[in-house]
Amino acid sequence: MVDQRERAGLRAAILAFTTWGLLTVYWKQLGEFDPVELIAWRVASAFVIMGVAVTVMHRWSPILGAFRHRPTLARLGIAAALLTVNWTAYVWAVMNDRVLETALGYFLSPLGTMAIGVFVLGERLTPFRWASIALAATAVTILTASYGRVPWVALLIAGSWSTYGLIKRRIPLAPAESLTSEMLVLVGPALLVIVVASAGSSWPGDDAVWAQASGADWLLVLGTGAITAFPLTLFAYAAQRVPFTLLGPTNYLVPLINFLLGWVIYDEPLPVARAIGFGLVWIALGLVTYEMVRQHRRTVRTRQVPTAVG
């Protein structure tokens, strides 16, 4: 039975993933600007918000300690680079009418994480998970034929996010401290991008934020830090209260929302072959979810069996 603590965590998780999914609508409003510059503004504004948060929580000490530890600093650098790739690919895809590819990328991410578990961490796959990976590989093949090209945006999003998760496992910091550290790594390059873009002639195109943004645009640009911190905080709250066997499937809200937005709201084409490819990915995720739930129930039953007293 779900207790009050777990119920509150589940509500927070649903709100976090729904917010992440709806960020597509947010980024669409900034479609006239360059994605790289927007990510720079996102990093800068997120750094300000997270910096204030860790100051209030008096949590700078672990961050500074991480920066003094070279292996941890190296992992933070790699994590920051992967996060930049993931964010930029996602925003670029949204602004170039490839929302369905972002959905595919985030649908593939859990399967990519499983592949990393097998080929990098040496974990063993169950028959259900082997079937899931085989279905995902078949789906990518079908989608490649449907698009007439490899769905590189989806693969880049899935690969960067899955690898980011692997690196994050090896960073001994809480979520807020870890994100602040990553923003600290990136804030220097981000400010450089903003300065170069604002100089005008040095930036490709005439879409620099400083030159073209209206008052409403500035609210959205500066708000990118808040839309980064808000769902992360909710997710951190949920992760401490909700079993991962329940938290995992709620992740699918993000690509599901993006799929519906791309298909229904933004009228991106979904021919039969492409729909079949997505269907195979959903079946693969269904198999993984079914196995997770079954294992969780088996574990619960095992704990409930009274131990015999000899």
Protein backbone atom coordinates (compact mmCIF):
# COMPACT_ATOMS: atom_id res chain seq x y z
CA MET A 1 0.00 0.00 0.00
CA VAL A 2 1.26 3.48 -0.92
CA ASP A 3 1.89 5.58 2.20
CA GLN A 4 1.58 9.36 2.46
CA ARG A 5 5.33 9.94 1.99
CA GLU A 6 5.42 7.83 -1.17
CA ARG A 7 2.25 9.47 -2.51
CA ALA A 8 3.76 12.94 -2.07
CA GLY A 9 6.92 11.77 -3.82
CA LEU A 10 4.92 10.34 -6.72
CA ARG A 11 3.05 13.63 -7.16
CA ALA A 12 6.39 15.46 -7.25
CA ALA A 13 7.78 12.99 -9.81
CA ILE A 14 4.75 13.37 -12.09
CA LEU A 15 4.99 17.16 -11.87
CA ALA A 16 8.74 17.06 -12.57
CA PHE A 17 8.44 14.82 -15.64
CA THR A 18 5.41 16.72 -16.94
CA THR A 19 7.39 19.96 -16.63
CA TRP A 20 10.32 18.43 -18.50
CA GLY A 21 7.99 17.23 -21.24
CA LEU A 22 6.31 20.62 -21.65
CA LEU A 23 9.66 22.40 -21.98
CA THR A 24 9.29 21.75 -25.70
CA VAL A 25 6.53 24.38 -25.77
CA TYR A 26 8.78 26.77 -23.84
CA TRP A 27 11.71 26.40 -26.25
CA LYS A 28 9.42 26.78 -29.26
CA GLN A 29 8.70 30.34 -28.08
CA LEU A 30 12.41 31.13 -28.49
CA GLY A 31 12.72 29.61 -31.96
CA GLU A 32 14.10 32.82 -33.54
CA PHE A 33 17.34 32.60 -31.52
CA ASP A 34 20.43 30.47 -31.92
CA PRO A 35 20.29 27.22 -29.86
CA VAL A 36 23.95 27.42 -28.79
CA GLU A 37 23.49 30.94 -27.40
CA LEU A 38 20.28 29.92 -25.64
CA ILE A 39 22.09 27.05 -23.92
CA ALA A 40 24.74 29.55 -22.81
CA TRP A 41 22.02 31.73 -21.27
CA ARG A 42 20.49 28.64 -19.68
CA VAL A 43 23.80 27.69 -18.08
CA ALA A 44 24.42 31.23 -16.80
CA SER A 45 20.94 31.70 -15.33
CA ALA A 46 20.88 28.16 -13.88
CA PHE A 47 24.26 28.81 -12.24
CA VAL A 48 22.88 31.94 -10.53
CA ILE A 49 19.82 30.09 -9.22
CA MET A 50 21.72 27.00 -8.10
CA GLY A 51 24.48 29.16 -6.59
CA VAL A 52 21.93 30.98 -4.45
CA ALA A 53 20.33 27.67 -3.46
CA VAL A 54 23.55 26.00 -2.29
CA THR A 55 24.54 29.21 -0.48
CA VAL A 56 21.27 29.21 1.45
CA MET A 57 21.74 25.49 2.21
CA HIS A 58 25.40 26.05 3.18
CA ARG A 59 26.50 23.34 0.73
CA TRP A 60 29.49 24.94 -0.97
CA SER A 61 31.96 22.86 1.04
CA PRO A 62 31.28 19.53 -0.79
CA ILE A 63 31.44 21.36 -4.14
CA LEU A 64 34.79 22.96 -3.37
CA GLY A 65 36.04 19.61 -2.10
CA ALA A 66 35.01 17.98 -5.38
CA PHE A 67 36.93 20.60 -7.35
CA ARG A 68 40.05 19.86 -5.30
CA HIS A 69 39.78 16.12 -6.10
CA ARG A 70 41.13 15.64 -9.62
CA PRO A 71 39.24 12.41 -10.54
CA THR A 72 35.94 13.95 -9.40
CA LEU A 73 36.72 17.20 -11.22
CA ALA A 74 37.42 15.23 -14.41
CA ARG A 75 34.07 13.43 -14.09
CA LEU A 76 32.31 16.74 -13.51
CA GLY A 77 33.91 18.07 -16.70
CA ILE A 78 32.75 15.05 -18.69
CA ALA A 79 29.24 15.25 -17.18
CA ALA A 80 29.04 18.96 -17.99
CA ALA A 81 30.10 18.32 -21.60
CA LEU A 82 27.53 15.53 -22.02
CA LEU A 83 24.80 17.70 -20.51
CA THR A 84 25.69 20.49 -22.96
CA VAL A 85 25.49 18.08 -25.90
CA ASN A 86 22.14 16.74 -24.69
CA TRP A 87 20.60 20.17 -24.09
CA THR A 88 21.88 21.60 -27.38
CA ALA A 89 20.71 18.63 -29.45
CA TYR A 90 17.29 18.79 -27.83
CA VAL A 91 16.83 22.55 -28.28
CA TRP A 92 18.15 22.43 -31.85
CA ALA A 93 15.72 19.60 -32.69
CA VAL A 94 12.75 21.45 -31.17
CA MET A 95 13.57 24.59 -33.16
CA ASN A 96 14.01 22.62 -36.39
CA ASP A 97 10.68 20.75 -36.23
CA ARG A 98 12.12 17.46 -35.04
CA VAL A 99 10.15 17.08 -31.82
CA LEU A 100 9.30 13.45 -32.67
CA GLU A 101 13.02 12.69 -32.81
CA THR A 102 13.49 14.13 -29.33
CA ALA A 103 10.69 11.85 -28.13
CA LEU A 104 12.40 8.88 -29.75
CA GLY A 105 15.68 9.87 -28.09
CA TYR A 106 14.20 9.92 -24.62
CA PHE A 107 12.27 6.70 -25.27
CA LEU A 108 15.57 5.06 -26.26
CA SER A 109 17.49 6.44 -23.25
CA PRO A 110 16.48 3.69 -20.75
CA LEU A 111 17.43 1.06 -23.32
CA GLY A 112 20.74 2.85 -23.88
CA THR A 113 21.32 2.75 -20.13
CA MET A 114 20.75 -1.02 -20.20
CA ALA A 115 23.27 -1.38 -23.05
CA ILE A 116 25.85 0.55 -21.00
CA GLY A 117 25.15 -1.78 -18.09
CA VAL A 118 25.97 -4.79 -20.27
CA PHE A 119 28.88 -3.55 -22.39
CA VAL A 120 30.54 -1.18 -19.90
CA LEU A 121 29.64 -2.43 -16.43
CA GLY A 122 29.51 -6.14 -17.29
CA GLU A 123 25.95 -6.63 -16.05
CA ARG A 124 23.96 -9.64 -17.19
CA LEU A 125 20.80 -9.29 -19.23
CA THR A 126 17.66 -11.30 -18.65
CA PRO A 127 15.75 -12.68 -21.67
CA PHE A 128 13.25 -9.82 -21.33
CA ARG A 129 16.01 -7.23 -21.54
CA TRP A 130 17.75 -8.96 -24.45
CA ALA A 131 14.42 -8.86 -26.27
CA SER A 132 14.08 -5.17 -25.43
CA ILE A 133 17.49 -4.30 -26.89
CA ALA A 134 16.77 -6.39 -30.01
CA LEU A 135 13.45 -4.59 -30.49
CA ALA A 136 15.15 -1.20 -30.04
CA ALA A 137 17.80 -2.08 -32.65
CA THR A 138 15.07 -3.19 -35.06
CA ALA A 139 13.16 0.03 -34.39
CA VAL A 140 16.20 2.19 -35.20
CA THR A 141 16.68 0.26 -38.46
CA ILE A 142 13.04 0.81 -39.46
CA LEU A 143 13.17 4.49 -38.47
CA THR A 144 16.37 4.96 -40.47
CA ALA A 145 14.54 3.64 -43.55
CA SER A 146 11.52 5.82 -42.77
CA TYR A 147 13.52 9.03 -42.36
CA GLY A 148 15.85 8.21 -45.23
CA ARG A 149 18.73 8.82 -42.82
CA VAL A 150 19.97 7.67 -39.42
CA PRO A 151 17.88 9.43 -36.71
CA TRP A 152 21.07 10.98 -35.38
CA VAL A 153 19.32 13.54 -33.16
CA ALA A 154 17.49 10.78 -31.31
CA LEU A 155 20.65 8.69 -30.98
CA LEU A 156 22.67 11.71 -29.81
CA ILE A 157 20.06 12.57 -27.18
CA ALA A 158 19.79 8.96 -25.99
CA GLY A 159 23.55 8.34 -26.02
CA SER A 160 24.50 11.57 -24.25
CA TRP A 161 21.80 11.15 -21.60
CA SER A 162 22.61 7.48 -20.90
CA THR A 163 26.34 8.19 -20.66
CA TYR A 164 25.62 11.23 -18.48
CA GLY A 165 23.79 8.89 -16.09
CA LEU A 166 26.80 6.58 -15.98
CA ILE A 167 29.17 9.46 -15.12
CA LYS A 168 26.75 10.86 -12.51
CA ARG A 169 26.82 7.56 -10.66
CA ARG A 170 30.51 8.15 -10.02
CA ILE A 171 30.22 11.71 -8.72
CA PRO A 172 29.86 11.70 -4.90
CA LEU A 173 27.58 14.75 -4.69
CA ALA A 174 23.88 15.28 -4.01
CA PRO A 175 21.77 16.30 -7.07
CA ALA A 176 21.72 20.06 -6.33
CA GLU A 177 25.44 20.13 -5.54
CA SER A 178 26.27 18.09 -8.63
CA LEU A 179 24.26 20.32 -10.99
CA THR A 180 25.79 23.44 -9.41
CA SER A 181 29.25 21.97 -9.95
CA GLU A 182 28.47 21.22 -13.59
CA MET A 183 27.17 24.77 -14.10
CA LEU A 184 30.34 26.09 -12.43
CA VAL A 185 32.41 24.16 -15.00
CA LEU A 186 30.32 25.55 -17.86
CA VAL A 187 29.63 29.12 -16.75
CA GLY A 188 32.95 30.50 -18.06
CA PRO A 189 32.48 29.17 -21.62
CA ALA A 190 28.80 30.14 -21.46
CA LEU A 191 29.63 33.76 -20.61
CA LEU A 192 32.17 33.79 -23.44
CA VAL A 193 29.50 32.63 -25.90
CA ILE A 194 27.11 35.33 -24.64
CA VAL A 195 29.78 38.05 -24.97
CA VAL A 196 30.77 36.95 -28.50
CA ALA A 197 27.13 36.69 -29.59
CA SER A 198 26.36 40.12 -28.12
CA ALA A 199 29.27 41.63 -30.09
CA GLY A 200 27.16 41.01 -33.19
CA SER A 201 29.58 40.81 -36.09
CA SER A 202 31.46 37.86 -34.60
CA TRP A 203 28.32 35.71 -34.26
CA PRO A 204 26.85 33.76 -37.19
CA GLY A 205 23.50 35.21 -38.27
CA ASP A 206 21.56 38.14 -36.89
CA ASP A 207 19.65 36.25 -34.19
CA ALA A 208 21.69 37.16 -31.09
CA VAL A 209 19.55 37.49 -27.99
CA TRP A 210 21.07 40.81 -26.94
CA ALA A 211 20.24 42.40 -30.30
CA GLN A 212 16.85 40.87 -31.05
CA ALA A 213 15.07 39.95 -27.78
CA SER A 214 11.92 41.80 -26.73
CA GLY A 215 10.81 42.22 -23.13
CA ALA A 216 8.82 38.97 -23.22
CA ASP A 217 11.75 37.18 -24.85
CA TRP A 218 14.06 38.30 -22.05
CA LEU A 219 11.69 36.87 -19.44
CA LEU A 220 11.78 33.53 -21.25
CA VAL A 221 15.57 33.60 -21.77
CA LEU A 222 16.32 34.45 -18.15
CA GLY A 223 13.67 31.95 -17.04
CA THR A 224 15.65 29.07 -18.53
CA GLY A 225 17.54 28.80 -15.24
CA ALA A 226 14.29 28.38 -13.32
CA ILE A 227 12.95 25.74 -15.72
CA THR A 228 16.21 23.87 -15.18
CA ALA A 229 16.21 24.04 -11.37
CA PHE A 230 12.47 23.56 -10.67
CA PRO A 231 11.96 20.02 -12.09
CA LEU A 232 15.36 18.91 -10.79
CA THR A 233 14.37 19.90 -7.26
CA LEU A 234 11.08 18.02 -7.60
CA PHE A 235 12.87 14.97 -8.95
CA ALA A 236 15.39 14.98 -6.09
CA TYR A 237 12.46 15.14 -3.64
CA ALA A 238 10.72 12.25 -5.41
CA ALA A 239 13.82 10.07 -5.69
CA GLN A 240 14.09 9.96 -1.88
CA ARG A 241 10.48 8.80 -1.45
CA VAL A 242 9.43 6.69 -4.43
CA PRO A 243 10.76 3.17 -5.20
CA PHE A 244 12.75 3.16 -8.42
CA THR A 245 10.49 0.43 -9.82
CA LEU A 246 7.72 3.04 -9.70
CA LEU A 247 9.88 6.08 -10.44
CA GLY A 248 11.39 4.49 -13.57
CA PRO A 249 8.19 4.15 -15.61
CA THR A 250 7.15 7.73 -14.78
CA ASN A 251 10.22 8.82 -16.80
CA TYR A 252 8.26 7.86 -19.90
CA LEU A 253 5.99 10.87 -19.39
CA VAL A 254 8.70 13.08 -20.93
CA PRO A 255 8.97 11.38 -24.34
CA LEU A 256 5.24 10.62 -24.37
CA ILE A 257 4.42 14.32 -24.00
CA ASN A 258 7.00 15.18 -26.67
CA PHE A 259 5.57 12.53 -29.00
CA LEU A 260 2.05 13.94 -28.63
CA LEU A 261 3.28 17.51 -29.05
CA GLY A 262 5.24 16.68 -32.19
CA TRP A 263 2.47 14.63 -33.79
CA VAL A 264 -0.73 16.35 -32.65
CA ILE A 265 0.25 19.96 -31.93
CA TYR A 266 3.15 20.62 -34.31
CA ASP A 267 1.88 18.37 -37.15
CA GLU A 268 5.12 16.51 -37.73
CA PRO A 269 4.64 13.60 -40.15
CA LEU A 270 4.14 10.10 -38.73
CA PRO A 271 3.96 7.65 -41.64
CA VAL A 272 3.18 3.98 -41.03
CA ALA A 273 6.82 2.85 -40.98
CA ARG A 274 7.72 5.52 -38.43
CA ALA A 275 4.72 4.58 -36.28
CA ILE A 276 5.86 0.92 -36.38
CA GLY A 277 9.34 1.98 -35.26
CA PHE A 278 7.92 3.90 -32.30
CA GLY A 279 5.63 0.95 -31.53
CA LEU A 280 8.60 -1.42 -31.27
CA VAL A 281 10.33 0.97 -28.87
CA TRP A 282 7.18 1.10 -26.72
CA ILE A 283 6.97 -2.71 -26.66
CA ALA A 284 10.62 -2.83 -25.60
CA LEU A 285 9.97 -0.38 -22.77
CA GLY A 286 6.86 -2.34 -21.79
CA LEU A 287 8.92 -5.52 -21.42
CA VAL A 288 11.47 -3.75 -19.24
CA THR A 289 8.76 -2.18 -17.07
CA TYR A 290 6.94 -5.48 -16.69
CA GLU A 291 10.12 -7.17 -15.52
CA MET A 292 10.91 -4.34 -13.08
CA VAL A 293 7.45 -4.58 -11.52
CA ARG A 294 7.64 -8.39 -11.35
CA GLN A 295 11.03 -8.30 -9.63
CA HIS A 296 9.79 -5.67 -7.18
CA ARG A 297 6.77 -7.79 -6.24
CA ARG A 298 8.97 -10.86 -5.82
CA THR A 299 11.30 -8.90 -3.51
CA VAL A 300 8.35 -7.63 -1.45
CA ARG A 301 6.93 -11.15 -1.08
CA THR A 302 10.34 -12.49 -0.02
CA ARG A 303 10.62 -9.84 2.70
CA GLN A 304 7.14 -10.64 3.96
CA VAL A 305 7.82 -14.36 4.41
CA PRO A 306 8.57 -14.95 8.13
CA THR A 307 11.96 -16.42 8.88
CA ALA A 308 11.80 -19.87 10.45
CA VAL A 309 13.20 -20.11 13.97
CA GLY A 310 15.32 -23.23 14.48
